[in-house]
């Protein structure tokens, strides 16, 4: 049986993503008992949502396959190429052959979305996670919502 991911979108609501069609289904948070079966929750595609997995992230991730470049945060000189494997409004997860990054270091990442306009994203990031010396999780530094990413990540993200 497929597991549905659950993301809390406000103090009172959450979105359950259908594993069959990836559509988000909004529910009042009181209907959920984390890790238990959901009684009578049916997606618009007809799939019965039963088992849930709680996602503690502030913003849901979207799996992607994008190429980019990591730059020095102050001089903006290129350091290495990166392969972005997932993306959210809050950050990015990427793979790179260069493994000398440390948690807390700041960089700038530049990549193009795979949308029709090939929208270029330039964001300052800070490394938050290092896994196996090749996989890195980084948080974006931007005080307001990023319209291009908001649109690109729909329905995985909440619009500002």
N, C-alpha and C. Protein backbone atom coordinates (compact mmCIF):
# COMPACT_ATOMS: atom_id res chain seq x y z
N UNK A 1 0.84 -1.17 0.00
CA UNK A 1 0.00 0.00 0.00
C UNK A 1 0.89 1.24 0.00
N UNK A 2 0.59 2.24 -0.83
CA UNK A 2 1.39 3.45 -0.95
C UNK A 2 1.19 4.34 0.26
N UNK A 3 2.24 5.08 0.61
CA UNK A 3 2.20 6.00 1.73
C UNK A 3 2.00 7.42 1.21
N UNK A 4 1.11 8.18 1.84
CA UNK A 4 0.86 9.56 1.46
C UNK A 4 1.69 10.47 2.34
N UNK A 5 2.28 11.51 1.75
CA UNK A 5 3.03 12.45 2.56
C UNK A 5 2.11 13.57 3.02
N UNK A 6 2.35 14.05 4.24
CA UNK A 6 1.51 15.08 4.85
C UNK A 6 2.39 16.27 5.19
N UNK A 7 1.94 17.47 4.78
CA UNK A 7 2.66 18.69 5.09
C UNK A 7 1.70 19.65 5.78
N UNK A 8 2.09 20.15 6.93
CA UNK A 8 1.26 21.12 7.66
C UNK A 8 1.38 22.47 6.96
N UNK A 9 0.25 23.05 6.57
CA UNK A 9 0.25 24.32 5.84
C UNK A 9 -0.17 25.50 6.69
N UNK A 10 -0.78 25.25 7.82
CA UNK A 10 -1.16 26.29 8.77
C UNK A 10 -1.39 25.57 10.10
N UNK A 11 -1.66 26.32 11.17
CA UNK A 11 -1.92 25.63 12.44
C UNK A 11 -3.14 24.71 12.40
N UNK A 12 -4.08 24.97 11.47
CA UNK A 12 -5.32 24.21 11.45
C UNK A 12 -5.48 23.26 10.27
N UNK A 13 -4.62 23.37 9.25
CA UNK A 13 -4.79 22.55 8.06
C UNK A 13 -3.48 21.90 7.63
N UNK A 14 -3.64 20.86 6.82
CA UNK A 14 -2.48 20.19 6.23
C UNK A 14 -2.87 19.74 4.83
N UNK A 15 -1.85 19.40 4.04
CA UNK A 15 -2.08 18.90 2.69
C UNK A 15 -1.53 17.49 2.63
N UNK A 16 -2.36 16.56 2.19
CA UNK A 16 -1.95 15.18 2.00
C UNK A 16 -1.78 14.98 0.50
N UNK A 17 -0.58 14.55 0.09
CA UNK A 17 -0.29 14.35 -1.32
C UNK A 17 -0.62 12.92 -1.72
N UNK A 18 -1.42 12.81 -2.76
CA UNK A 18 -1.81 11.49 -3.26
C UNK A 18 -0.61 10.83 -3.93
N UNK A 19 -0.27 9.60 -3.56
CA UNK A 19 0.86 8.91 -4.19
C UNK A 19 0.58 8.48 -5.63
N UNK A 20 -0.69 8.46 -6.02
CA UNK A 20 -1.04 8.03 -7.37
C UNK A 20 -0.96 9.20 -8.36
N UNK A 21 -1.53 10.37 -8.02
CA UNK A 21 -1.60 11.48 -8.97
C UNK A 21 -0.83 12.72 -8.54
N UNK A 22 -0.27 12.71 -7.32
CA UNK A 22 0.51 13.83 -6.76
C UNK A 22 -0.33 15.06 -6.49
N UNK A 23 -1.64 14.93 -6.49
CA UNK A 23 -2.52 16.05 -6.16
C UNK A 23 -2.53 16.26 -4.66
N UNK A 24 -2.55 17.54 -4.23
CA UNK A 24 -2.64 17.87 -2.82
C UNK A 24 -4.08 17.91 -2.37
N UNK A 25 -4.39 17.29 -1.24
CA UNK A 25 -5.74 17.27 -0.67
C UNK A 25 -5.69 17.93 0.70
N UNK A 26 -6.39 19.05 0.87
CA UNK A 26 -6.36 19.80 2.12
C UNK A 26 -7.34 19.20 3.12
N UNK A 27 -6.86 19.04 4.36
CA UNK A 27 -7.68 18.49 5.45
C UNK A 27 -7.48 19.31 6.71
N UNK A 28 -8.51 19.39 7.55
CA UNK A 28 -8.29 19.97 8.88
C UNK A 28 -7.32 19.09 9.66
N UNK A 29 -6.43 19.69 10.38
CA UNK A 29 -5.39 18.95 11.10
C UNK A 29 -5.99 18.02 12.15
N UNK A 30 -7.17 18.33 12.68
CA UNK A 30 -7.77 17.50 13.73
C UNK A 30 -8.17 16.12 13.22
N UNK A 31 -8.29 15.95 11.89
CA UNK A 31 -8.67 14.64 11.34
C UNK A 31 -7.50 13.67 11.31
N UNK A 32 -6.29 14.17 11.57
CA UNK A 32 -5.11 13.31 11.45
C UNK A 32 -4.67 12.75 12.79
N UNK A 33 -4.29 11.51 12.75
CA UNK A 33 -3.60 10.86 13.86
C UNK A 33 -2.33 10.31 13.24
N UNK A 34 -1.21 11.00 13.48
CA UNK A 34 0.04 10.71 12.77
C UNK A 34 0.41 9.23 12.84
N UNK A 35 0.72 8.67 11.66
CA UNK A 35 1.16 7.29 11.56
C UNK A 35 0.04 6.27 11.53
N UNK A 36 -1.20 6.70 11.66
CA UNK A 36 -2.33 5.77 11.65
C UNK A 36 -3.08 5.87 10.33
N UNK A 37 -3.98 4.96 10.12
CA UNK A 37 -4.80 4.99 8.91
C UNK A 37 -5.77 6.16 8.95
N UNK A 38 -6.04 6.71 7.79
CA UNK A 38 -6.99 7.81 7.66
C UNK A 38 -8.35 7.23 7.24
N UNK A 39 -9.37 7.39 8.04
CA UNK A 39 -10.67 6.87 7.64
C UNK A 39 -11.34 7.78 6.60
N UNK A 40 -11.83 7.18 5.52
CA UNK A 40 -12.68 7.87 4.54
C UNK A 40 -12.04 9.09 3.90
N UNK A 41 -10.78 9.04 3.52
CA UNK A 41 -10.15 10.14 2.79
C UNK A 41 -9.85 9.65 1.38
N UNK A 42 -10.57 10.21 0.43
CA UNK A 42 -10.43 9.78 -0.97
C UNK A 42 -9.96 10.98 -1.80
N UNK A 43 -8.94 10.77 -2.61
CA UNK A 43 -8.42 11.80 -3.50
C UNK A 43 -9.42 12.03 -4.64
N UNK A 44 -9.30 13.16 -5.31
CA UNK A 44 -10.15 13.47 -6.45
C UNK A 44 -9.98 12.48 -7.59
N UNK A 45 -8.81 11.81 -7.65
CA UNK A 45 -8.58 10.81 -8.71
C UNK A 45 -9.23 9.47 -8.37
N UNK A 46 -9.80 9.36 -7.15
CA UNK A 46 -10.46 8.13 -6.74
C UNK A 46 -9.63 7.25 -5.83
N UNK A 47 -8.35 7.56 -5.68
CA UNK A 47 -7.46 6.75 -4.85
C UNK A 47 -7.79 6.96 -3.37
N UNK A 48 -7.89 5.87 -2.62
CA UNK A 48 -8.16 5.96 -1.18
C UNK A 48 -6.84 6.17 -0.44
N UNK A 49 -6.73 7.29 0.28
CA UNK A 49 -5.54 7.62 1.05
C UNK A 49 -5.64 6.96 2.41
N UNK A 50 -4.66 6.13 2.74
CA UNK A 50 -4.73 5.39 4.00
C UNK A 50 -3.57 5.69 4.94
N UNK A 51 -2.37 5.33 4.57
CA UNK A 51 -1.24 5.51 5.46
C UNK A 51 -0.57 6.85 5.19
N UNK A 52 -0.13 7.52 6.24
CA UNK A 52 0.45 8.84 6.09
C UNK A 52 1.88 8.86 6.65
N UNK A 53 2.68 9.76 6.10
CA UNK A 53 4.03 10.01 6.60
C UNK A 53 4.13 11.50 6.87
N UNK A 54 4.44 11.85 8.09
CA UNK A 54 4.52 13.25 8.48
C UNK A 54 5.81 13.86 7.95
N UNK A 55 5.70 15.00 7.27
CA UNK A 55 6.85 15.73 6.78
C UNK A 55 7.03 16.95 7.67
N UNK A 56 8.12 17.00 8.39
CA UNK A 56 8.36 18.09 9.33
C UNK A 56 8.91 19.35 8.68
N UNK A 57 9.09 19.34 7.39
CA UNK A 57 9.66 20.49 6.70
C UNK A 57 8.67 21.65 6.64
N UNK A 58 9.23 22.85 6.65
CA UNK A 58 8.40 24.04 6.52
C UNK A 58 7.82 24.15 5.11
N UNK A 59 8.61 23.76 4.11
CA UNK A 59 8.18 23.78 2.72
C UNK A 59 8.38 22.40 2.11
N UNK A 60 7.41 21.89 1.39
CA UNK A 60 7.55 20.58 0.76
C UNK A 60 8.64 20.61 -0.32
N UNK A 61 9.27 19.46 -0.52
CA UNK A 61 10.30 19.32 -1.55
C UNK A 61 9.68 18.85 -2.86
N UNK A 62 10.31 19.24 -3.96
CA UNK A 62 9.93 18.73 -5.28
C UNK A 62 11.17 18.07 -5.87
N UNK A 63 11.08 16.79 -6.21
CA UNK A 63 12.22 16.14 -6.86
C UNK A 63 12.47 16.77 -8.23
N UNK A 64 13.71 17.08 -8.53
CA UNK A 64 14.07 17.70 -9.81
C UNK A 64 15.39 17.11 -10.30
N UNK A 65 15.72 17.40 -11.53
CA UNK A 65 17.04 17.08 -12.11
C UNK A 65 17.49 18.33 -12.85
N UNK A 66 18.17 19.22 -12.12
CA UNK A 66 18.62 20.49 -12.68
C UNK A 66 20.12 20.63 -12.50
N UNK A 67 20.76 21.28 -13.45
CA UNK A 67 22.19 21.55 -13.35
C UNK A 67 22.39 22.99 -12.91
N UNK A 68 23.46 23.21 -12.15
CA UNK A 68 23.74 24.56 -11.69
C UNK A 68 25.21 24.75 -11.40
N UNK A 69 25.52 25.94 -10.89
CA UNK A 69 26.88 26.30 -10.55
C UNK A 69 26.88 26.89 -9.15
N UNK A 70 27.86 26.50 -8.35
CA UNK A 70 28.04 27.05 -7.01
C UNK A 70 29.12 28.12 -7.09
N UNK A 71 28.84 29.30 -6.54
CA UNK A 71 29.76 30.43 -6.59
C UNK A 71 30.21 30.83 -5.20
N UNK A 72 31.37 31.47 -5.13
CA UNK A 72 31.82 32.07 -3.88
C UNK A 72 30.81 33.14 -3.50
N UNK A 73 30.44 33.22 -2.23
CA UNK A 73 29.38 34.12 -1.79
C UNK A 73 29.75 35.59 -1.94
N UNK A 74 31.01 35.93 -1.82
CA UNK A 74 31.40 37.35 -1.89
C UNK A 74 31.93 37.76 -3.25
N UNK A 75 32.78 36.93 -3.86
CA UNK A 75 33.38 37.30 -5.15
C UNK A 75 32.56 36.83 -6.34
N UNK A 76 31.65 35.88 -6.11
CA UNK A 76 30.80 35.28 -7.15
C UNK A 76 31.61 34.57 -8.23
N UNK A 77 32.81 34.11 -7.88
CA UNK A 77 33.58 33.30 -8.82
C UNK A 77 33.12 31.85 -8.74
N UNK A 78 33.04 31.17 -9.89
CA UNK A 78 32.56 29.78 -9.90
C UNK A 78 33.49 28.85 -9.12
N UNK A 79 32.88 27.94 -8.33
CA UNK A 79 33.64 26.97 -7.55
C UNK A 79 33.50 25.57 -8.12
N UNK A 80 32.27 25.18 -8.46
CA UNK A 80 32.02 23.84 -8.97
C UNK A 80 30.63 23.77 -9.59
N UNK A 81 30.40 22.74 -10.38
CA UNK A 81 29.06 22.48 -10.90
C UNK A 81 28.30 21.62 -9.89
N UNK A 82 26.98 21.72 -9.91
CA UNK A 82 26.14 20.94 -9.01
C UNK A 82 25.00 20.31 -9.80
N UNK A 83 24.51 19.18 -9.30
CA UNK A 83 23.29 18.56 -9.82
C UNK A 83 22.25 18.67 -8.72
N UNK A 84 21.21 19.44 -8.97
CA UNK A 84 20.16 19.68 -7.98
C UNK A 84 19.18 18.52 -8.05
N UNK A 85 18.94 17.87 -6.89
CA UNK A 85 18.07 16.69 -6.88
C UNK A 85 16.72 16.95 -6.23
N UNK A 86 16.61 17.99 -5.41
CA UNK A 86 15.28 18.44 -4.98
C UNK A 86 15.33 19.90 -4.58
N UNK A 87 14.13 20.49 -4.59
CA UNK A 87 14.00 21.93 -4.47
C UNK A 87 12.75 22.26 -3.67
N UNK A 88 12.83 23.31 -2.85
CA UNK A 88 11.66 23.80 -2.13
C UNK A 88 11.78 25.32 -2.05
N UNK A 89 10.75 25.97 -1.50
CA UNK A 89 10.84 27.42 -1.30
C UNK A 89 11.90 27.78 -0.27
N UNK A 90 12.24 26.84 0.59
CA UNK A 90 13.21 27.11 1.65
C UNK A 90 14.63 26.74 1.33
N UNK A 91 14.85 25.91 0.29
CA UNK A 91 16.21 25.51 0.03
C UNK A 91 16.33 24.51 -1.10
N UNK A 92 17.51 23.89 -1.14
CA UNK A 92 17.88 23.04 -2.25
C UNK A 92 18.75 21.89 -1.74
N UNK A 93 18.65 20.75 -2.40
CA UNK A 93 19.53 19.62 -2.11
C UNK A 93 20.26 19.29 -3.40
N UNK A 94 21.59 19.16 -3.30
CA UNK A 94 22.37 18.96 -4.51
C UNK A 94 23.52 17.99 -4.28
N UNK A 95 24.05 17.51 -5.42
CA UNK A 95 25.19 16.60 -5.44
C UNK A 95 26.30 17.31 -6.20
N UNK A 96 27.52 17.16 -5.72
CA UNK A 96 28.67 17.75 -6.41
C UNK A 96 29.90 16.88 -6.18
N UNK A 97 30.82 16.84 -7.15
CA UNK A 97 32.03 16.05 -6.94
C UNK A 97 32.97 16.69 -5.92
N UNK A 98 32.88 18.00 -5.73
CA UNK A 98 33.71 18.69 -4.75
C UNK A 98 33.13 18.46 -3.36
N UNK A 99 33.92 17.94 -2.44
CA UNK A 99 33.37 17.54 -1.14
C UNK A 99 33.93 18.33 0.04
N UNK A 100 34.40 19.53 -0.20
CA UNK A 100 35.05 20.28 0.87
C UNK A 100 34.11 21.27 1.57
N UNK A 101 32.82 21.14 1.40
CA UNK A 101 31.87 22.07 2.01
C UNK A 101 31.58 21.67 3.45
N UNK A 102 31.38 22.67 4.29
CA UNK A 102 31.10 22.44 5.69
C UNK A 102 29.76 23.09 6.06
N UNK A 103 29.09 22.52 7.05
CA UNK A 103 27.84 23.09 7.56
C UNK A 103 28.12 24.51 8.04
N UNK A 104 27.25 25.44 7.65
CA UNK A 104 27.39 26.83 8.05
C UNK A 104 28.05 27.72 7.01
N UNK A 105 28.70 27.14 6.01
CA UNK A 105 29.35 27.95 4.98
C UNK A 105 28.31 28.54 4.03
N UNK A 106 28.62 29.75 3.53
CA UNK A 106 27.70 30.45 2.62
C UNK A 106 28.24 30.46 1.21
N UNK A 107 27.30 30.33 0.26
CA UNK A 107 27.64 30.33 -1.16
C UNK A 107 26.50 31.01 -1.92
N UNK A 108 26.68 31.15 -3.21
CA UNK A 108 25.60 31.55 -4.11
C UNK A 108 25.42 30.40 -5.09
N UNK A 109 24.16 30.03 -5.34
CA UNK A 109 23.86 28.97 -6.31
C UNK A 109 23.10 29.59 -7.48
N UNK A 110 23.46 29.17 -8.69
CA UNK A 110 22.82 29.67 -9.90
C UNK A 110 22.38 28.45 -10.71
N UNK A 111 21.10 28.44 -11.09
CA UNK A 111 20.59 27.35 -11.91
C UNK A 111 19.38 27.84 -12.68
N UNK A 112 19.02 27.09 -13.71
CA UNK A 112 17.83 27.41 -14.50
C UNK A 112 16.78 26.34 -14.26
N UNK A 113 15.54 26.79 -14.09
CA UNK A 113 14.43 25.87 -13.95
C UNK A 113 14.16 25.19 -15.29
N UNK A 114 13.49 24.06 -15.26
CA UNK A 114 13.15 23.37 -16.50
C UNK A 114 11.75 23.77 -16.98
N UNK A 115 11.38 25.04 -16.73
CA UNK A 115 10.10 25.55 -17.22
C UNK A 115 10.28 26.06 -18.66
N UNK A 116 9.21 26.52 -19.26
CA UNK A 116 9.25 26.96 -20.66
C UNK A 116 10.21 28.12 -20.88
N UNK A 117 10.38 28.99 -19.88
CA UNK A 117 11.24 30.16 -20.01
C UNK A 117 12.68 29.91 -19.56
N UNK A 118 12.95 28.70 -19.04
CA UNK A 118 14.27 28.38 -18.48
C UNK A 118 14.69 29.48 -17.48
N UNK A 119 13.78 29.79 -16.56
CA UNK A 119 13.97 30.86 -15.59
C UNK A 119 15.24 30.64 -14.78
N UNK A 120 16.08 31.67 -14.75
CA UNK A 120 17.33 31.58 -13.99
C UNK A 120 17.09 31.99 -12.54
N UNK A 121 17.57 31.17 -11.63
CA UNK A 121 17.48 31.44 -10.20
C UNK A 121 18.88 31.70 -9.68
N UNK A 122 19.06 32.79 -8.95
CA UNK A 122 20.32 33.13 -8.29
C UNK A 122 19.99 33.36 -6.82
N UNK A 123 20.50 32.51 -5.97
CA UNK A 123 20.17 32.60 -4.55
C UNK A 123 21.41 32.43 -3.69
N UNK A 124 21.48 33.20 -2.63
CA UNK A 124 22.49 32.98 -1.60
C UNK A 124 22.00 31.85 -0.72
N UNK A 125 22.91 30.94 -0.36
CA UNK A 125 22.54 29.77 0.44
C UNK A 125 23.53 29.59 1.58
N UNK A 126 23.11 28.83 2.57
CA UNK A 126 24.01 28.38 3.63
C UNK A 126 23.86 26.87 3.73
N UNK A 127 24.98 26.15 3.81
CA UNK A 127 24.96 24.70 3.89
C UNK A 127 24.42 24.30 5.26
N UNK A 128 23.40 23.43 5.27
CA UNK A 128 22.79 22.98 6.52
C UNK A 128 23.04 21.50 6.80
N UNK A 129 23.23 20.70 5.74
CA UNK A 129 23.43 19.25 5.90
C UNK A 129 24.47 18.76 4.92
N UNK A 130 25.30 17.83 5.38
CA UNK A 130 26.28 17.16 4.52
C UNK A 130 26.10 15.67 4.73
N UNK A 131 25.87 14.94 3.64
CA UNK A 131 25.69 13.49 3.71
C UNK A 131 26.64 12.81 2.74
N UNK A 132 27.41 11.87 3.21
CA UNK A 132 28.32 11.08 2.37
C UNK A 132 29.30 11.94 1.57
N UNK A 133 29.61 13.14 2.03
CA UNK A 133 30.58 14.04 1.39
C UNK A 133 30.25 14.42 -0.04
N UNK A 134 29.06 14.06 -0.53
CA UNK A 134 28.66 14.42 -1.89
C UNK A 134 27.29 15.07 -1.93
N UNK A 135 26.43 14.74 -0.97
CA UNK A 135 25.07 15.26 -0.93
C UNK A 135 25.00 16.41 0.08
N UNK A 136 24.44 17.54 -0.38
CA UNK A 136 24.41 18.72 0.47
C UNK A 136 23.00 19.29 0.50
N UNK A 137 22.57 19.71 1.67
CA UNK A 137 21.32 20.42 1.83
C UNK A 137 21.64 21.85 2.21
N UNK A 138 21.00 22.81 1.54
CA UNK A 138 21.29 24.22 1.79
C UNK A 138 19.99 25.01 1.89
N UNK A 139 20.01 26.02 2.72
CA UNK A 139 18.86 26.89 2.93
C UNK A 139 19.03 28.18 2.14
N UNK A 140 17.95 28.65 1.49
CA UNK A 140 17.97 29.93 0.78
C UNK A 140 17.95 31.07 1.77
N UNK A 141 18.56 32.19 1.36
CA UNK A 141 18.46 33.44 2.12
C UNK A 141 17.64 34.41 1.29
N UNK A 142 16.37 34.51 1.59
CA UNK A 142 15.54 35.54 0.94
C UNK A 142 14.40 35.87 1.89
N UNK A 143 14.21 37.15 2.17
CA UNK A 143 13.22 37.53 3.18
C UNK A 143 11.78 37.42 2.72
N UNK A 144 11.53 37.55 1.43
CA UNK A 144 10.15 37.45 0.95
C UNK A 144 10.02 36.27 0.01
N UNK A 145 8.81 35.99 -0.41
CA UNK A 145 8.58 34.86 -1.30
C UNK A 145 9.22 35.11 -2.66
N UNK A 146 9.60 34.04 -3.28
CA UNK A 146 10.27 34.10 -4.57
C UNK A 146 9.24 33.69 -5.62
N UNK A 147 8.72 34.66 -6.36
CA UNK A 147 7.61 34.40 -7.28
C UNK A 147 7.90 33.29 -8.28
N UNK A 148 9.10 33.26 -8.85
CA UNK A 148 9.41 32.23 -9.85
C UNK A 148 9.36 30.84 -9.23
N UNK A 149 9.92 30.69 -8.03
CA UNK A 149 9.88 29.39 -7.37
C UNK A 149 8.48 29.05 -6.89
N UNK A 150 7.72 30.04 -6.41
CA UNK A 150 6.33 29.80 -6.01
C UNK A 150 5.57 29.16 -7.16
N UNK A 151 5.66 29.77 -8.32
CA UNK A 151 4.92 29.28 -9.48
C UNK A 151 5.43 27.91 -9.91
N UNK A 152 6.74 27.73 -9.94
CA UNK A 152 7.34 26.49 -10.39
C UNK A 152 6.98 25.31 -9.49
N UNK A 153 6.92 25.55 -8.19
CA UNK A 153 6.70 24.47 -7.23
C UNK A 153 5.23 24.12 -7.01
N UNK A 154 4.31 24.88 -7.55
CA UNK A 154 2.89 24.56 -7.42
C UNK A 154 2.62 23.21 -8.06
N UNK A 155 1.89 22.28 -7.46
CA UNK A 155 1.11 22.38 -6.24
C UNK A 155 1.87 21.96 -4.99
N UNK A 156 3.19 21.84 -5.05
CA UNK A 156 3.94 21.36 -3.91
C UNK A 156 4.13 22.41 -2.84
N UNK A 157 3.88 23.68 -3.16
CA UNK A 157 4.15 24.75 -2.20
C UNK A 157 2.94 25.67 -2.08
N UNK A 158 2.89 26.36 -0.98
CA UNK A 158 1.83 27.33 -0.72
C UNK A 158 2.20 28.64 -1.38
N UNK A 159 1.26 29.27 -2.05
CA UNK A 159 1.52 30.56 -2.67
C UNK A 159 1.49 31.66 -1.61
N UNK A 160 2.35 32.66 -1.77
CA UNK A 160 2.43 33.79 -0.83
C UNK A 160 1.40 34.83 -1.18
